[in-house]
């Protein structure tokens, strides 16, 4: 096969990847059954005061029943990616609620608001999958359980691999893109102004930067 044919095949594959529909988060998505998707695990008012620094704590438990018993007002217990998790918004603490402490992420800087909602998500995306280009009225926190992704913004591409986390500040335009050869499994928290929707998709987004430093297609 000639070099020109190989090049045309590569361009065709790239175009096909770009035409692939973005994955949006919904309740009870196919992710709940081990297929590609993004699931909203919970969306509830935050009880804790944001006048003091708060963090997102992730603990792993042996059973869903144990995690549910340990969950307080600002904790979400759920099964995802072959494990049971308790994900809690609270101050930095050494208390692991009886589970194995996996990570504490923050501090979380939130905009002034009359109240806040915490939306917790779990996603399983295959190589090349993307999210829509969007923003949030509050910080979004990512924890990568397995695989890797690129968090594309107008300024920089932030690569995240298994076991890594990242806090995206309020209002930053971004899109997630799965990189590498395997599926990307992740947990996420959006802590946002309760008077606004959790996400806002952009109809005419700016050019974004990929993790290799090159501008990506809109």
Protein backbone atom coordinates (compact mmCIF):
# COMPACT_ATOMS: atom_id res chain seq x y z
CA UNK A 1 0.00 0.00 0.00
CA UNK A 2 1.44 3.38 -1.01
CA UNK A 3 2.25 6.17 1.44
CA UNK A 4 -0.50 8.32 -0.13
CA UNK A 5 -3.13 5.62 0.48
CA UNK A 6 -1.99 5.19 4.08
CA UNK A 7 -2.22 8.95 4.60
CA UNK A 8 -5.74 9.06 3.15
CA UNK A 9 -6.77 6.19 5.43
CA UNK A 10 -5.39 8.01 8.45
CA UNK A 11 -7.22 11.21 7.53
CA UNK A 12 -10.42 9.25 6.99
CA UNK A 13 -10.09 7.65 10.43
CA UNK A 14 -9.50 11.07 12.01
CA UNK A 15 -12.55 12.51 10.29
CA UNK A 16 -14.62 9.57 11.51
CA UNK A 17 -13.44 10.17 15.07
CA UNK A 18 -14.45 13.83 14.83
CA UNK A 19 -17.93 12.91 13.56
CA UNK A 20 -18.54 10.57 16.50
CA UNK A 21 -21.32 11.97 18.73
CA UNK A 22 -20.26 13.48 22.05
CA UNK A 23 -21.20 11.61 25.21
CA UNK A 24 -23.55 13.47 27.56
CA UNK A 25 -24.23 12.62 31.20
CA UNK A 26 -27.71 11.28 31.98
CA UNK A 27 -29.33 9.27 34.73
CA UNK A 28 -28.95 5.51 34.39
CA UNK A 29 -26.78 5.70 31.26
CA UNK A 30 -25.34 2.58 29.57
CA UNK A 31 -22.32 3.03 31.88
CA UNK A 32 -24.46 1.40 34.60
CA UNK A 33 -24.34 -1.81 32.53
CA UNK A 34 -20.64 -1.71 31.62
CA UNK A 35 -21.12 0.03 28.29
CA UNK A 36 -19.99 3.48 27.12
CA UNK A 37 -21.77 6.30 28.87
CA UNK A 38 -21.80 8.88 31.65
CA UNK A 39 -24.21 8.45 34.56
CA UNK A 40 -25.47 11.02 37.04
CA UNK A 41 -25.23 9.10 40.30
CA UNK A 42 -26.73 11.85 42.47
CA UNK A 43 -27.69 15.52 42.39
CA UNK A 44 -28.57 16.96 45.77
CA UNK A 45 -28.26 20.14 47.87
CA UNK A 46 -24.99 20.60 49.71
CA UNK A 47 -25.54 20.87 53.46
CA UNK A 48 -22.00 21.79 54.52
CA UNK A 49 -21.05 25.48 54.73
CA UNK A 50 -18.66 26.72 52.04
CA UNK A 51 -17.31 29.46 54.32
CA UNK A 52 -14.42 27.12 55.16
CA UNK A 53 -12.17 25.20 52.76
CA UNK A 54 -13.86 22.04 51.51
CA UNK A 55 -12.45 18.99 49.74
CA UNK A 56 -13.81 16.04 47.79
CA UNK A 57 -12.96 12.83 49.61
CA UNK A 58 -13.12 9.43 47.90
CA UNK A 59 -13.17 6.23 49.97
CA UNK A 60 -13.44 2.63 48.78
CA UNK A 61 -15.62 0.15 50.69
CA UNK A 62 -16.11 -3.61 50.64
CA UNK A 63 -19.90 -3.37 50.33
CA UNK A 64 -22.55 -0.89 49.24
CA UNK A 65 -24.40 -1.39 52.53
CA UNK A 66 -21.34 -0.34 54.54
CA UNK A 67 -20.79 2.73 52.35
CA UNK A 68 -24.44 3.75 52.64
CA UNK A 69 -24.31 3.49 56.42
CA UNK A 70 -21.21 5.70 56.50
CA UNK A 71 -22.61 8.34 54.11
CA UNK A 72 -23.81 11.58 55.69
CA UNK A 73 -25.83 14.41 54.15
CA UNK A 74 -22.99 15.33 51.79
CA UNK A 75 -21.85 11.81 50.91
CA UNK A 76 -22.80 9.68 47.90
CA UNK A 77 -22.38 5.90 48.09
CA UNK A 78 -22.37 4.09 44.75
CA UNK A 79 -21.05 1.12 42.83
CA UNK A 80 -18.92 1.99 39.81
CA UNK A 81 -16.03 0.49 37.86
CA UNK A 82 -16.00 -2.74 39.84
CA UNK A 83 -15.75 -1.07 43.27
CA UNK A 84 -17.94 0.53 45.92
CA UNK A 85 -17.23 4.22 46.60
CA UNK A 86 -18.19 6.81 49.17
CA UNK A 87 -17.67 10.33 47.78
CA UNK A 88 -18.03 13.13 50.30
CA UNK A 89 -17.71 16.92 50.32
CA UNK A 90 -16.23 18.00 53.66
CA UNK A 91 -13.24 19.65 55.28
CA UNK A 92 -9.83 18.00 55.08
CA UNK A 93 -9.94 15.19 57.57
CA UNK A 94 -8.21 11.96 58.53
CA UNK A 95 -11.59 10.27 59.06
CA UNK A 96 -12.11 7.64 56.37
CA UNK A 97 -15.64 6.65 57.43
CA UNK A 98 -14.57 3.04 57.84
CA UNK A 99 -13.36 2.59 54.28
CA UNK A 100 -10.03 2.84 52.46
CA UNK A 101 -9.19 6.46 51.76
CA UNK A 102 -8.34 6.79 48.07
CA UNK A 103 -7.99 10.57 47.62
CA UNK A 104 -8.84 14.01 48.94
CA UNK A 105 -9.00 16.69 46.26
CA UNK A 106 -9.15 20.46 46.67
CA UNK A 107 -9.62 22.92 48.20
CA UNK A 108 -12.71 23.71 46.14
CA UNK A 109 -13.26 27.40 45.34
CA UNK A 110 -16.95 28.06 44.69
CA UNK A 111 -18.67 31.26 43.48
CA UNK A 112 -20.89 33.21 45.85
CA UNK A 113 -24.37 31.73 45.76
CA UNK A 114 -27.47 31.35 47.89
CA UNK A 115 -27.07 27.57 47.79
CA UNK A 116 -25.13 24.79 46.13
CA UNK A 117 -25.85 21.47 44.49
CA UNK A 118 -23.41 18.58 44.34
CA UNK A 119 -23.70 16.41 41.24
CA UNK A 120 -21.70 13.19 41.26
CA UNK A 121 -21.03 11.31 38.02
CA UNK A 122 -19.42 8.09 36.82
CA UNK A 123 -18.29 7.59 33.24
CA UNK A 124 -16.85 4.91 31.00
CA UNK A 125 -15.62 6.19 27.65
CA UNK A 126 -13.79 4.41 24.87
CA UNK A 127 -10.72 5.67 22.99
CA UNK A 128 -11.50 8.76 20.93
CA UNK A 129 -14.74 9.55 22.77
CA UNK A 130 -15.39 13.18 23.71
CA UNK A 131 -17.75 15.18 25.84
CA UNK A 132 -19.53 18.27 24.49
CA UNK A 133 -17.69 21.59 24.82
CA UNK A 134 -19.24 23.08 27.94
CA UNK A 135 -18.86 25.10 31.15
CA UNK A 136 -20.09 24.77 34.75
CA UNK A 137 -21.30 27.42 37.27
CA UNK A 138 -18.92 25.95 39.84
CA UNK A 139 -15.79 23.79 39.99
CA UNK A 140 -15.66 20.32 38.45
CA UNK A 141 -13.44 17.70 40.05
CA UNK A 142 -12.14 14.64 38.18
CA UNK A 143 -10.66 11.41 39.53
CA UNK A 144 -9.45 8.93 36.91
CA UNK A 145 -10.04 5.34 38.02
CA UNK A 146 -8.47 3.77 34.94
CA UNK A 147 -7.14 4.72 31.51
CA UNK A 148 -6.33 8.29 30.52
CA UNK A 149 -7.93 11.40 29.10
CA UNK A 150 -7.07 14.87 27.88
CA UNK A 151 -8.95 17.80 29.37
CA UNK A 152 -8.96 20.33 26.52
CA UNK A 153 -9.37 24.04 27.27
CA UNK A 154 -8.68 27.20 25.20
CA UNK A 155 -5.36 27.66 27.03
CA UNK A 156 -3.94 24.19 27.67
CA UNK A 157 -4.50 20.47 27.35
CA UNK A 158 -4.29 18.71 30.73
CA UNK A 159 -3.48 14.99 30.56
CA UNK A 160 -4.88 12.85 33.38
CA UNK A 161 -3.94 9.21 33.93
CA UNK A 162 -5.16 6.48 36.25
CA UNK A 163 -5.01 7.58 39.89
CA UNK A 164 -4.69 11.28 39.04
CA UNK A 165 -7.16 14.06 39.81
CA UNK A 166 -7.80 17.64 38.73
CA UNK A 167 -9.96 20.57 39.83
CA UNK A 168 -11.34 22.64 36.94
CA UNK A 169 -12.26 26.19 38.09
CA UNK A 170 -15.70 27.71 37.64
CA UNK A 171 -16.60 28.84 34.13
CA UNK A 172 -13.66 27.33 32.22
CA UNK A 173 -14.60 26.20 28.70
CA UNK A 174 -13.55 22.58 28.29
CA UNK A 175 -14.04 19.21 26.68
CA UNK A 176 -12.85 15.75 27.72
CA UNK A 177 -11.24 13.45 25.15
CA UNK A 178 -10.21 9.86 25.84
CA UNK A 179 -6.62 9.19 24.83
CA UNK A 180 -4.59 6.00 24.91
CA UNK A 181 -5.58 2.54 23.71
CA UNK A 182 -7.98 1.52 26.47
CA UNK A 183 -11.23 2.70 28.03
CA UNK A 184 -11.19 5.59 30.47
CA UNK A 185 -13.11 5.14 33.73
CA UNK A 186 -13.62 8.17 35.96
CA UNK A 187 -15.59 9.72 38.80
CA UNK A 188 -16.50 13.41 38.82
CA UNK A 189 -18.09 16.05 41.04
CA UNK A 190 -19.69 19.32 39.92
CA UNK A 191 -20.25 21.65 42.88
CA UNK A 192 -22.39 24.44 41.49
CA UNK A 193 -24.75 27.34 42.14
CA UNK A 194 -28.14 25.73 42.76
CA UNK A 195 -29.91 28.54 40.86
CA UNK A 196 -28.22 27.49 37.60
CA UNK A 197 -28.06 24.28 35.54
CA UNK A 198 -25.06 22.08 36.28
CA UNK A 199 -23.73 22.38 32.70
CA UNK A 200 -24.00 24.72 29.74
CA UNK A 201 -23.04 23.54 26.24
CA UNK A 202 -21.53 26.06 23.82
CA UNK A 203 -23.05 26.39 20.35
CA UNK A 204 -20.01 28.26 18.98
CA UNK A 205 -17.05 27.16 21.12
CA UNK A 206 -13.51 28.52 20.79
CA UNK A 207 -10.66 26.39 19.49
CA UNK A 208 -9.34 24.06 22.17
CA UNK A 209 -5.81 22.85 22.85
CA UNK A 210 -5.03 19.13 22.74
CA UNK A 211 -2.57 17.52 25.10
CA UNK A 212 0.13 17.45 22.41
CA UNK A 213 -0.11 21.26 22.22
CA UNK A 214 -1.80 21.39 18.80
CA UNK A 215 -5.17 23.16 18.33
CA UNK A 216 -8.03 20.70 17.97
CA UNK A 217 -10.99 20.95 15.65
CA UNK A 218 -14.06 22.73 17.02
